[in-house]
Amino acid sequence: MRRIISKKTEEKKAKRNQFILSIVLIIIMFSSILGYSLSGLNNSNSEKITYNNIEFVKSNNLWYANMGNIQFSFLYNPTETEKINSKLNSLNQYQNLPLYISSENSEAEGEIYRNLFYSNQIVQRIQYACTENEKCDDNFPVKNCSNNFIIIKKGEKNSVIQKENCVFIEGKEEDLIKLTDSFLFKITEIQ
């Protein structure tokens, strides 16, 4: 037989259960936030390499390297990329000038943007542009090699070549990011 409980006692019991449940949920949420934030402080498990006396530390799937007061971040470290033998302008040639870009790979383009503009403000700005011999659907300016211009495109053979102020980063789709990192390693004199 079931005990008869007054409505007031039933409401009191329901409120107590809700209170206990909310306390438990708050504790769970707080502990998970605390655990997540503390996990970022533990760098003892982070990968590190030294290349040409520059330390690279992997964090959040990027390799970070400090050169003077500038921090660069790459998807690959120098040991994972090909060394470029062609002559390229140094990083100083890009300093405080506009940089034009035409790219068939958004991730490779992102490497350029993150390292030369967003994080470090090395270039004045980055603007999309079209080469003189391509049809330009968007209202992008048409630029030539008298401007600092990086052209990233898919091709059969991997190469990074400088002609005047144009840099042509060309290669297989799966290699374009590594080639772009190689380009950045070369102009920063890491490689």
Foldseek 3Di string as FASTA:
>chain_A
DDDDDDPVVVVVVVVVVVVVVVVVVVVVVVVVVVVVVVVQVPQPPWDWDAFPNWIWTDDPQWTWTDDPNAIAIANDDPVVADAAPEDDAALLVQAAAEAEEAEPAVLLVVNCCVRCPVRGNRHNYYFYADEPPDDDPDPHHYDYLCGQYEYEEEDDDAHWYRDRNYTYGYYHPVCSRRSSVSVVCVNPVSD
